mmCIF file of all heavy atoms, coordinates in Angstrom:
data_MODEL
# 
_entry.id   MODEL 
# 
loop_
_atom_site.group_PDB 
_atom_site.id 
_atom_site.type_symbol 
_atom_site.label_atom_id 
_atom_site.label_alt_id 
_atom_site.label_comp_id 
_atom_site.label_asym_id 
_atom_site.label_entity_id 
_atom_site.label_seq_id 
_atom_site.pdbx_PDB_ins_code 
_atom_site.Cartn_x 
_atom_site.Cartn_y 
_atom_site.Cartn_z 
_atom_site.occupancy 
_atom_site.B_iso_or_equiv 
_atom_site.pdbx_formal_charge 
_atom_site.auth_seq_id 
_atom_site.auth_comp_id 
_atom_site.auth_asym_id 
_atom_site.auth_atom_id 
_atom_site.pdbx_PDB_model_num 
ATOM 1   N N   . LEU A 1 1  ? 24.600 -2.713 -91.585  1.00 0.00 ? 1  LEU A N   1 
ATOM 2   C CA  . LEU A 1 1  ? 25.356 -2.563 -92.925  1.00 0.00 ? 1  LEU A CA  1 
ATOM 3   C C   . LEU A 1 1  ? 24.343 -2.108 -94.004  1.00 0.00 ? 1  LEU A C   1 
ATOM 4   O O   . LEU A 1 1  ? 24.672 -1.285 -94.792  1.00 0.00 ? 1  LEU A O   1 
ATOM 5   C CB  . LEU A 1 1  ? 25.951 -3.802 -93.278  1.00 0.00 ? 1  LEU A CB  1 
ATOM 6   C CG  . LEU A 1 1  ? 26.841 -3.731 -94.565  1.00 0.00 ? 1  LEU A CG  1 
ATOM 7   C CD1 . LEU A 1 1  ? 27.835 -2.734 -94.544  1.00 0.00 ? 1  LEU A CD1 1 
ATOM 8   C CD2 . LEU A 1 1  ? 27.369 -5.183 -94.787  1.00 0.00 ? 1  LEU A CD2 1 
ATOM 9   N N   . ILE A 1 2  ? 23.138 -2.705 -93.948  1.00 0.00 ? 2  ILE A N   1 
ATOM 10  C CA  . ILE A 1 2  ? 22.098 -2.302 -94.998  1.00 0.00 ? 2  ILE A CA  1 
ATOM 11  C C   . ILE A 1 2  ? 21.773 -0.847 -94.844  1.00 0.00 ? 2  ILE A C   1 
ATOM 12  O O   . ILE A 1 2  ? 21.571 -0.116 -95.801  1.00 0.00 ? 2  ILE A O   1 
ATOM 13  C CB  . ILE A 1 2  ? 20.865 -3.250 -94.806  1.00 0.00 ? 2  ILE A CB  1 
ATOM 14  C CG1 . ILE A 1 2  ? 21.344 -4.658 -95.184  1.00 0.00 ? 2  ILE A CG1 1 
ATOM 15  C CG2 . ILE A 1 2  ? 19.772 -2.855 -95.746  1.00 0.00 ? 2  ILE A CG2 1 
ATOM 16  C CD1 . ILE A 1 2  ? 20.243 -5.665 -94.914  1.00 0.00 ? 2  ILE A CD1 1 
ATOM 17  N N   . LEU A 1 3  ? 21.518 -0.339 -93.583  1.00 0.00 ? 3  LEU A N   1 
ATOM 18  C CA  . LEU A 1 3  ? 21.157 0.997  -93.376  1.00 0.00 ? 3  LEU A CA  1 
ATOM 19  C C   . LEU A 1 3  ? 22.259 1.998  -93.861  1.00 0.00 ? 3  LEU A C   1 
ATOM 20  O O   . LEU A 1 3  ? 22.014 3.017  -94.322  1.00 0.00 ? 3  LEU A O   1 
ATOM 21  C CB  . LEU A 1 3  ? 20.837 1.260  -91.909  1.00 0.00 ? 3  LEU A CB  1 
ATOM 22  C CG  . LEU A 1 3  ? 19.673 0.552  -91.320  1.00 0.00 ? 3  LEU A CG  1 
ATOM 23  C CD1 . LEU A 1 3  ? 19.446 0.752  -89.835  1.00 0.00 ? 3  LEU A CD1 1 
ATOM 24  C CD2 . LEU A 1 3  ? 18.349 1.120  -92.035  1.00 0.00 ? 3  LEU A CD2 1 
ATOM 25  N N   . LEU A 1 4  ? 23.578 1.564  -93.629  1.00 0.00 ? 4  LEU A N   1 
ATOM 26  C CA  . LEU A 1 4  ? 24.600 2.484  -93.988  1.00 0.00 ? 4  LEU A CA  1 
ATOM 27  C C   . LEU A 1 4  ? 24.696 2.608  -95.549  1.00 0.00 ? 4  LEU A C   1 
ATOM 28  O O   . LEU A 1 4  ? 25.085 3.608  -95.969  1.00 0.00 ? 4  LEU A O   1 
ATOM 29  C CB  . LEU A 1 4  ? 26.004 1.848  -93.491  1.00 0.00 ? 4  LEU A CB  1 
ATOM 30  C CG  . LEU A 1 4  ? 26.289 1.860  -92.023  1.00 0.00 ? 4  LEU A CG  1 
ATOM 31  C CD1 . LEU A 1 4  ? 27.532 1.186  -91.716  1.00 0.00 ? 4  LEU A CD1 1 
ATOM 32  C CD2 . LEU A 1 4  ? 26.284 3.386  -91.636  1.00 0.00 ? 4  LEU A CD2 1 
ATOM 33  N N   . VAL A 1 5  ? 24.153 1.617  -96.343  1.00 0.00 ? 5  VAL A N   1 
ATOM 34  C CA  . VAL A 1 5  ? 24.263 1.762  -97.716  1.00 0.00 ? 5  VAL A CA  1 
ATOM 35  C C   . VAL A 1 5  ? 22.987 2.333  -98.218  1.00 0.00 ? 5  VAL A C   1 
ATOM 36  O O   . VAL A 1 5  ? 22.915 3.178  -99.085  1.00 0.00 ? 5  VAL A O   1 
ATOM 37  C CB  . VAL A 1 5  ? 24.309 0.382  -98.401  1.00 0.00 ? 5  VAL A CB  1 
ATOM 38  C CG1 . VAL A 1 5  ? 24.185 0.382  -99.860  1.00 0.00 ? 5  VAL A CG1 1 
ATOM 39  C CG2 . VAL A 1 5  ? 25.650 -0.328 -97.960  1.00 0.00 ? 5  VAL A CG2 1 
ATOM 40  N N   . ALA A 1 6  ? 21.886 2.160  -97.619  1.00 0.00 ? 6  ALA A N   1 
ATOM 41  C CA  . ALA A 1 6  ? 20.518 2.589  -98.104  1.00 0.00 ? 6  ALA A CA  1 
ATOM 42  C C   . ALA A 1 6  ? 20.336 4.129  -97.816  1.00 0.00 ? 6  ALA A C   1 
ATOM 43  O O   . ALA A 1 6  ? 19.744 4.813  -98.705  1.00 0.00 ? 6  ALA A O   1 
ATOM 44  C CB  . ALA A 1 6  ? 19.423 1.905  -97.584  1.00 0.00 ? 6  ALA A CB  1 
ATOM 45  N N   . ILE A 1 7  ? 20.717 4.625  -96.694  1.00 0.00 ? 7  ILE A N   1 
ATOM 46  C CA  . ILE A 1 7  ? 20.457 5.988  -96.365  1.00 0.00 ? 7  ILE A CA  1 
ATOM 47  C C   . ILE A 1 7  ? 21.073 6.995  -97.280  1.00 0.00 ? 7  ILE A C   1 
ATOM 48  O O   . ILE A 1 7  ? 20.419 7.847  -97.834  1.00 0.00 ? 7  ILE A O   1 
ATOM 49  C CB  . ILE A 1 7  ? 20.871 6.270  -94.896  1.00 0.00 ? 7  ILE A CB  1 
ATOM 50  C CG1 . ILE A 1 7  ? 19.988 5.547  -93.929  1.00 0.00 ? 7  ILE A CG1 1 
ATOM 51  C CG2 . ILE A 1 7  ? 20.763 7.800  -94.578  1.00 0.00 ? 7  ILE A CG2 1 
ATOM 52  C CD1 . ILE A 1 7  ? 20.409 5.635  -92.397  1.00 0.00 ? 7  ILE A CD1 1 
ATOM 53  N N   . PRO A 1 8  ? 22.334 6.841  -97.678  1.00 0.00 ? 8  PRO A N   1 
ATOM 54  C CA  . PRO A 1 8  ? 22.914 7.763  -98.626  1.00 0.00 ? 8  PRO A CA  1 
ATOM 55  C C   . PRO A 1 8  ? 22.307 7.764  -99.886  1.00 0.00 ? 8  PRO A C   1 
ATOM 56  O O   . PRO A 1 8  ? 22.050 8.760  -100.651 1.00 0.00 ? 8  PRO A O   1 
ATOM 57  C CB  . PRO A 1 8  ? 24.344 7.338  -98.739  1.00 0.00 ? 8  PRO A CB  1 
ATOM 58  C CG  . PRO A 1 8  ? 24.650 6.637  -97.470  1.00 0.00 ? 8  PRO A CG  1 
ATOM 59  C CD  . PRO A 1 8  ? 23.349 5.950  -97.042  1.00 0.00 ? 8  PRO A CD  1 
ATOM 60  N N   . LEU A 1 9  ? 21.813 6.592  -100.344 1.00 0.00 ? 9  LEU A N   1 
ATOM 61  C CA  . LEU A 1 9  ? 21.035 6.521  -101.650 1.00 0.00 ? 9  LEU A CA  1 
ATOM 62  C C   . LEU A 1 9  ? 19.763 7.207  -101.540 1.00 0.00 ? 9  LEU A C   1 
ATOM 63  O O   . LEU A 1 9  ? 19.414 7.816  -102.620 1.00 0.00 ? 9  LEU A O   1 
ATOM 64  C CB  . LEU A 1 9  ? 20.945 5.060  -102.070 1.00 0.00 ? 9  LEU A CB  1 
ATOM 65  C CG  . LEU A 1 9  ? 22.216 4.269  -102.320 1.00 0.00 ? 9  LEU A CG  1 
ATOM 66  C CD1 . LEU A 1 9  ? 21.871 2.800  -102.646 1.00 0.00 ? 9  LEU A CD1 1 
ATOM 67  C CD2 . LEU A 1 9  ? 22.902 4.837  -103.560 1.00 0.00 ? 9  LEU A CD2 1 
ATOM 68  N N   . LEU A 1 10 ? 19.023 7.079  -100.501 1.00 0.00 ? 10 LEU A N   1 
ATOM 69  C CA  . LEU A 1 10 ? 17.808 7.873  -100.398 1.00 0.00 ? 10 LEU A CA  1 
ATOM 70  C C   . LEU A 1 10 ? 17.977 9.302  -100.423 1.00 0.00 ? 10 LEU A C   1 
ATOM 71  O O   . LEU A 1 10 ? 17.226 9.994  -101.063 1.00 0.00 ? 10 LEU A O   1 
ATOM 72  C CB  . LEU A 1 10 ? 17.040 7.363  -99.113  1.00 0.00 ? 10 LEU A CB  1 
ATOM 73  C CG  . LEU A 1 10 ? 16.538 5.958  -99.094  1.00 0.00 ? 10 LEU A CG  1 
ATOM 74  C CD1 . LEU A 1 10 ? 15.949 5.600  -97.706  1.00 0.00 ? 10 LEU A CD1 1 
ATOM 75  C CD2 . LEU A 1 10 ? 15.420 5.736  -100.180 1.00 0.00 ? 10 LEU A CD2 1 
ATOM 76  N N   . VAL A 1 11 ? 19.043 9.751  -99.773  1.00 0.00 ? 11 VAL A N   1 
ATOM 77  C CA  . VAL A 1 11 ? 19.274 11.198 -99.739  1.00 0.00 ? 11 VAL A CA  1 
ATOM 78  C C   . VAL A 1 11 ? 19.684 11.666 -101.098 1.00 0.00 ? 11 VAL A C   1 
ATOM 79  O O   . VAL A 1 11 ? 19.197 12.648 -101.586 1.00 0.00 ? 11 VAL A O   1 
ATOM 80  C CB  . VAL A 1 11 ? 20.441 11.510 -98.817  1.00 0.00 ? 11 VAL A CB  1 
ATOM 81  C CG1 . VAL A 1 11 ? 20.861 12.911 -98.823  1.00 0.00 ? 11 VAL A CG1 1 
ATOM 82  C CG2 . VAL A 1 11 ? 19.984 11.112 -97.366  1.00 0.00 ? 11 VAL A CG2 1 
ATOM 83  N N   . HIS A 1 12 ? 20.429 10.858 -101.824 1.00 0.00 ? 12 HIS A N   1 
ATOM 84  C CA  . HIS A 1 12 ? 20.807 11.226 -103.294 1.00 0.00 ? 12 HIS A CA  1 
ATOM 85  C C   . HIS A 1 12 ? 19.507 11.239 -104.141 1.00 0.00 ? 12 HIS A C   1 
ATOM 86  O O   . HIS A 1 12 ? 19.369 12.175 -105.005 1.00 0.00 ? 12 HIS A O   1 
ATOM 87  C CB  . HIS A 1 12 ? 21.810 10.244 -103.759 1.00 0.00 ? 12 HIS A CB  1 
ATOM 88  C CG  . HIS A 1 12 ? 22.076 10.472 -105.245 1.00 0.00 ? 12 HIS A CG  1 
ATOM 89  N ND1 . HIS A 1 12 ? 22.744 11.626 -105.759 1.00 0.00 ? 12 HIS A ND1 1 
ATOM 90  C CD2 . HIS A 1 12 ? 21.781 9.709  -106.232 1.00 0.00 ? 12 HIS A CD2 1 
ATOM 91  C CE1 . HIS A 1 12 ? 22.873 11.440 -106.946 1.00 0.00 ? 12 HIS A CE1 1 
ATOM 92  N NE2 . HIS A 1 12 ? 22.217 10.319 -107.381 1.00 0.00 ? 12 HIS A NE2 1 
ATOM 93  N N   . THR A 1 13 ? 18.628 10.322 -103.944 1.00 0.00 ? 13 THR A N   1 
ATOM 94  C CA  . THR A 1 13 ? 17.404 10.265 -104.833 1.00 0.00 ? 13 THR A CA  1 
ATOM 95  C C   . THR A 1 13 ? 16.524 11.618 -104.484 1.00 0.00 ? 13 THR A C   1 
ATOM 96  O O   . THR A 1 13 ? 16.005 12.120 -105.517 1.00 0.00 ? 13 THR A O   1 
ATOM 97  C CB  . THR A 1 13 ? 16.605 9.003  -104.593 1.00 0.00 ? 13 THR A CB  1 
ATOM 98  O OG1 . THR A 1 13 ? 17.503 7.982  -104.723 1.00 0.00 ? 13 THR A OG1 1 
ATOM 99  C CG2 . THR A 1 13 ? 15.446 8.947  -105.537 1.00 0.00 ? 13 THR A CG2 1 
ATOM 100 N N   . THR A 1 14 ? 16.502 11.977 -103.329 1.00 0.00 ? 14 THR A N   1 
ATOM 101 C CA  . THR A 1 14 ? 15.628 13.102 -102.936 1.00 0.00 ? 14 THR A CA  1 
ATOM 102 C C   . THR A 1 14 ? 16.181 14.399 -103.475 1.00 0.00 ? 14 THR A C   1 
ATOM 103 O O   . THR A 1 14 ? 15.478 15.235 -103.989 1.00 0.00 ? 14 THR A O   1 
ATOM 104 C CB  . THR A 1 14 ? 15.504 13.250 -101.399 1.00 0.00 ? 14 THR A CB  1 
ATOM 105 O OG1 . THR A 1 14 ? 15.047 12.025 -100.867 1.00 0.00 ? 14 THR A OG1 1 
ATOM 106 C CG2 . THR A 1 14 ? 14.601 14.318 -100.967 1.00 0.00 ? 14 THR A CG2 1 
ATOM 107 N N   . LYS A 1 15 ? 17.497 14.458 -103.511 1.00 0.00 ? 15 LYS A N   1 
ATOM 108 C CA  . LYS A 1 15 ? 18.111 15.734 -104.107 1.00 0.00 ? 15 LYS A CA  1 
ATOM 109 C C   . LYS A 1 15 ? 18.254 15.723 -105.594 1.00 0.00 ? 15 LYS A C   1 
ATOM 110 O O   . LYS A 1 15 ? 18.649 16.715 -106.148 1.00 0.00 ? 15 LYS A O   1 
ATOM 111 C CB  . LYS A 1 15 ? 19.513 15.952 -103.454 1.00 0.00 ? 15 LYS A CB  1 
ATOM 112 C CG  . LYS A 1 15 ? 19.462 16.177 -101.977 1.00 0.00 ? 15 LYS A CG  1 
ATOM 113 C CD  . LYS A 1 15 ? 20.760 16.386 -101.348 1.00 0.00 ? 15 LYS A CD  1 
ATOM 114 C CE  . LYS A 1 15 ? 20.733 16.613 -99.870  1.00 0.00 ? 15 LYS A CE  1 
ATOM 115 N NZ  . LYS A 1 15 ? 22.108 16.860 -99.293  1.00 0.00 ? 15 LYS A NZ  1 
ATOM 116 N N   . GLY A 1 16 ? 18.014 14.598 -106.133 1.00 0.00 ? 16 GLY A N   1 
ATOM 117 C CA  . GLY A 1 16 ? 18.198 14.475 -107.704 1.00 0.00 ? 16 GLY A CA  1 
ATOM 118 C C   . GLY A 1 16 ? 17.361 15.452 -108.431 1.00 0.00 ? 16 GLY A C   1 
ATOM 119 O O   . GLY A 1 16 ? 17.738 15.920 -109.437 1.00 0.00 ? 16 GLY A O   1 
ATOM 120 N N   . GLY A 1 17 ? 16.089 15.723 -108.017 1.00 0.00 ? 17 GLY A N   1 
ATOM 121 C CA  . GLY A 1 17 ? 15.170 16.525 -108.697 1.00 0.00 ? 17 GLY A CA  1 
ATOM 122 C C   . GLY A 1 17 ? 15.619 17.979 -108.630 1.00 0.00 ? 17 GLY A C   1 
ATOM 123 O O   . GLY A 1 17 ? 15.144 18.795 -109.542 1.00 0.00 ? 17 GLY A O   1 
ATOM 124 N N   . THR A 1 18 ? 16.255 18.421 -107.743 1.00 0.00 ? 18 THR A N   1 
ATOM 125 C CA  . THR A 1 18 ? 16.724 19.849 -107.555 1.00 0.00 ? 18 THR A CA  1 
ATOM 126 C C   . THR A 1 18 ? 18.059 20.125 -108.160 1.00 0.00 ? 18 THR A C   1 
ATOM 127 O O   . THR A 1 18 ? 18.469 21.264 -108.216 1.00 0.00 ? 18 THR A O   1 
ATOM 128 C CB  . THR A 1 18 ? 16.688 20.231 -106.157 1.00 0.00 ? 18 THR A CB  1 
ATOM 129 O OG1 . THR A 1 18 ? 17.601 19.405 -105.339 1.00 0.00 ? 18 THR A OG1 1 
ATOM 130 C CG2 . THR A 1 18 ? 15.289 20.109 -105.555 1.00 0.00 ? 18 THR A CG2 1 
ATOM 131 N N   . THR A 1 19 ? 18.832 19.126 -108.531 1.00 0.00 ? 19 THR A N   1 
ATOM 132 C CA  . THR A 1 19 ? 20.223 19.386 -108.969 1.00 0.00 ? 19 THR A CA  1 
ATOM 133 C C   . THR A 1 19 ? 20.436 18.912 -110.374 1.00 0.00 ? 19 THR A C   1 
ATOM 134 O O   . THR A 1 19 ? 21.548 18.715 -110.813 1.00 0.00 ? 19 THR A O   1 
ATOM 135 C CB  . THR A 1 19 ? 21.224 18.807 -108.085 1.00 0.00 ? 19 THR A CB  1 
ATOM 136 O OG1 . THR A 1 19 ? 20.941 17.276 -108.123 1.00 0.00 ? 19 THR A OG1 1 
ATOM 137 C CG2 . THR A 1 19 ? 21.139 19.224 -106.710 1.00 0.00 ? 19 THR A CG2 1 
ATOM 138 N N   . ARG A 1 20 ? 19.412 18.771 -111.248 1.00 0.00 ? 20 ARG A N   1 
ATOM 139 C CA  . ARG A 1 20 ? 19.508 18.246 -112.685 1.00 0.00 ? 20 ARG A CA  1 
ATOM 140 C C   . ARG A 1 20 ? 20.185 19.327 -113.458 1.00 0.00 ? 20 ARG A C   1 
ATOM 141 O O   . ARG A 1 20 ? 20.688 19.007 -114.618 1.00 0.00 ? 20 ARG A O   1 
ATOM 142 C CB  . ARG A 1 20 ? 18.190 17.888 -113.164 1.00 0.00 ? 20 ARG A CB  1 
ATOM 143 C CG  . ARG A 1 20 ? 17.643 16.714 -112.565 1.00 0.00 ? 20 ARG A CG  1 
ATOM 144 C CD  . ARG A 1 20 ? 16.264 16.277 -113.233 1.00 0.00 ? 20 ARG A CD  1 
ATOM 145 N NE  . ARG A 1 20 ? 15.689 15.027 -112.590 1.00 0.00 ? 20 ARG A NE  1 
ATOM 146 C CZ  . ARG A 1 20 ? 16.046 13.805 -112.903 1.00 0.00 ? 20 ARG A CZ  1 
ATOM 147 N NH1 . ARG A 1 20 ? 16.914 13.664 -113.901 1.00 0.00 ? 20 ARG A NH1 1 
ATOM 148 N NH2 . ARG A 1 20 ? 15.477 12.804 -112.260 1.00 0.00 ? 20 ARG A NH2 1 
ATOM 149 N N   . SER A 1 21 ? 20.215 20.621 -113.044 1.00 0.00 ? 21 SER A N   1 
ATOM 150 C CA  . SER A 1 21 ? 20.766 21.634 -113.883 1.00 0.00 ? 21 SER A CA  1 
ATOM 151 C C   . SER A 1 21 ? 22.339 21.811 -113.719 1.00 0.00 ? 21 SER A C   1 
ATOM 152 O O   . SER A 1 21 ? 22.946 22.511 -114.481 1.00 0.00 ? 21 SER A O   1 
ATOM 153 C CB  . SER A 1 21 ? 20.117 22.991 -113.546 1.00 0.00 ? 21 SER A CB  1 
ATOM 154 O OG  . SER A 1 21 ? 20.397 23.249 -112.167 1.00 0.00 ? 21 SER A OG  1 
ATOM 155 N N   . THR A 1 22 ? 22.879 21.088 -112.785 1.00 0.00 ? 22 THR A N   1 
ATOM 156 C CA  . THR A 1 22 ? 24.271 21.078 -112.643 1.00 0.00 ? 22 THR A CA  1 
ATOM 157 C C   . THR A 1 22 ? 25.004 20.239 -113.671 1.00 0.00 ? 22 THR A C   1 
ATOM 158 O O   . THR A 1 22 ? 24.413 19.515 -114.357 1.00 0.00 ? 22 THR A O   1 
ATOM 159 C CB  . THR A 1 22 ? 24.661 20.519 -111.227 1.00 0.00 ? 22 THR A CB  1 
ATOM 160 O OG1 . THR A 1 22 ? 24.235 19.101 -111.218 1.00 0.00 ? 22 THR A OG1 1 
ATOM 161 C CG2 . THR A 1 22 ? 24.068 21.326 -110.129 1.00 0.00 ? 22 THR A CG2 1 
ATOM 162 N N   . ALA A 1 23 ? 26.238 20.595 -113.932 1.00 0.00 ? 23 ALA A N   1 
ATOM 163 C CA  . ALA A 1 23 ? 27.052 19.996 -115.043 1.00 0.00 ? 23 ALA A CA  1 
ATOM 164 C C   . ALA A 1 23 ? 27.743 18.708 -114.628 1.00 0.00 ? 23 ALA A C   1 
ATOM 165 O O   . ALA A 1 23 ? 28.448 18.115 -115.464 1.00 0.00 ? 23 ALA A O   1 
ATOM 166 C CB  . ALA A 1 23 ? 28.080 21.011 -115.525 1.00 0.00 ? 23 ALA A CB  1 
ATOM 167 N N   . SER A 1 24 ? 27.540 18.267 -113.373 1.00 0.00 ? 24 SER A N   1 
ATOM 168 C CA  . SER A 1 24 ? 28.225 17.069 -112.980 1.00 0.00 ? 24 SER A CA  1 
ATOM 169 C C   . SER A 1 24 ? 27.207 16.131 -112.199 1.00 0.00 ? 24 SER A C   1 
ATOM 170 O O   . SER A 1 24 ? 26.213 16.627 -111.658 1.00 0.00 ? 24 SER A O   1 
ATOM 171 C CB  . SER A 1 24 ? 29.321 17.407 -111.962 1.00 0.00 ? 24 SER A CB  1 
ATOM 172 O OG  . SER A 1 24 ? 30.276 18.221 -112.606 1.00 0.00 ? 24 SER A OG  1 
ATOM 173 N N   . HIS A 1 25 ? 27.539 14.866 -112.309 1.00 0.00 ? 25 HIS A N   1 
ATOM 174 C CA  . HIS A 1 25 ? 26.775 13.889 -111.758 1.00 0.00 ? 25 HIS A CA  1 
ATOM 175 C C   . HIS A 1 25 ? 27.469 13.195 -110.562 1.00 0.00 ? 25 HIS A C   1 
ATOM 176 O O   . HIS A 1 25 ? 28.567 12.697 -110.859 1.00 0.00 ? 25 HIS A O   1 
ATOM 177 C CB  . HIS A 1 25 ? 26.190 12.849 -112.705 1.00 0.00 ? 25 HIS A CB  1 
ATOM 178 C CG  . HIS A 1 25 ? 25.556 11.618 -112.124 1.00 0.00 ? 25 HIS A CG  1 
ATOM 179 N ND1 . HIS A 1 25 ? 24.334 11.718 -111.619 1.00 0.00 ? 25 HIS A ND1 1 
ATOM 180 C CD2 . HIS A 1 25 ? 26.016 10.350 -111.957 1.00 0.00 ? 25 HIS A CD2 1 
ATOM 181 C CE1 . HIS A 1 25 ? 23.982 10.484 -111.129 1.00 0.00 ? 25 HIS A CE1 1 
ATOM 182 N NE2 . HIS A 1 25 ? 25.019 9.743  -111.314 1.00 0.00 ? 25 HIS A NE2 1 
ATOM 183 N N   . TYR A 1 26 ? 26.938 13.113 -109.360 1.00 0.00 ? 26 TYR A N   1 
ATOM 184 C CA  . TYR A 1 26 ? 27.641 12.671 -108.233 1.00 0.00 ? 26 TYR A CA  1 
ATOM 185 C C   . TYR A 1 26 ? 26.924 11.373 -107.789 1.00 0.00 ? 26 TYR A C   1 
ATOM 186 O O   . TYR A 1 26 ? 25.729 11.235 -107.740 1.00 0.00 ? 26 TYR A O   1 
ATOM 187 C CB  . TYR A 1 26 ? 27.776 13.573 -107.062 1.00 0.00 ? 26 TYR A CB  1 
ATOM 188 C CG  . TYR A 1 26 ? 28.524 14.864 -107.421 1.00 0.00 ? 26 TYR A CG  1 
ATOM 189 C CD1 . TYR A 1 26 ? 27.924 15.942 -107.986 1.00 0.00 ? 26 TYR A CD1 1 
ATOM 190 C CD2 . TYR A 1 26 ? 29.943 14.844 -107.311 1.00 0.00 ? 26 TYR A CD2 1 
ATOM 191 C CE1 . TYR A 1 26 ? 28.641 17.137 -108.289 1.00 0.00 ? 26 TYR A CE1 1 
ATOM 192 C CE2 . TYR A 1 26 ? 30.704 16.084 -107.673 1.00 0.00 ? 26 TYR A CE2 1 
ATOM 193 C CZ  . TYR A 1 26 ? 30.035 17.103 -108.154 1.00 0.00 ? 26 TYR A CZ  1 
ATOM 194 O OH  . TYR A 1 26 ? 30.644 18.215 -108.497 1.00 0.00 ? 26 TYR A OH  1 
ATOM 195 N N   . GLU A 1 27 ? 27.658 10.344 -107.402 1.00 0.00 ? 27 GLU A N   1 
ATOM 196 C CA  . GLU A 1 27 ? 27.048 9.198  -106.851 1.00 0.00 ? 27 GLU A CA  1 
ATOM 197 C C   . GLU A 1 27 ? 27.815 8.693  -105.606 1.00 0.00 ? 27 GLU A C   1 
ATOM 198 O O   . GLU A 1 27 ? 29.063 8.704  -105.610 1.00 0.00 ? 27 GLU A O   1 
ATOM 199 C CB  . GLU A 1 27 ? 27.230 8.025  -107.940 1.00 0.00 ? 27 GLU A CB  1 
ATOM 200 C CG  . GLU A 1 27 ? 26.601 6.670  -107.489 1.00 0.00 ? 27 GLU A CG  1 
ATOM 201 C CD  . GLU A 1 27 ? 26.742 5.699  -108.623 1.00 0.00 ? 27 GLU A CD  1 
ATOM 202 O OE1 . GLU A 1 27 ? 27.230 6.071  -109.694 1.00 0.00 ? 27 GLU A OE1 1 
ATOM 203 O OE2 . GLU A 1 27 ? 26.420 4.534  -108.354 1.00 0.00 ? 27 GLU A OE2 1 
# 
């Protein structure tokens, strides 16, 4: 259960630096 929650958050953090120019924020 911990892995199911942590993996999507790590992926989102990695992609955050390349998608700051978009007009929407996804979580």
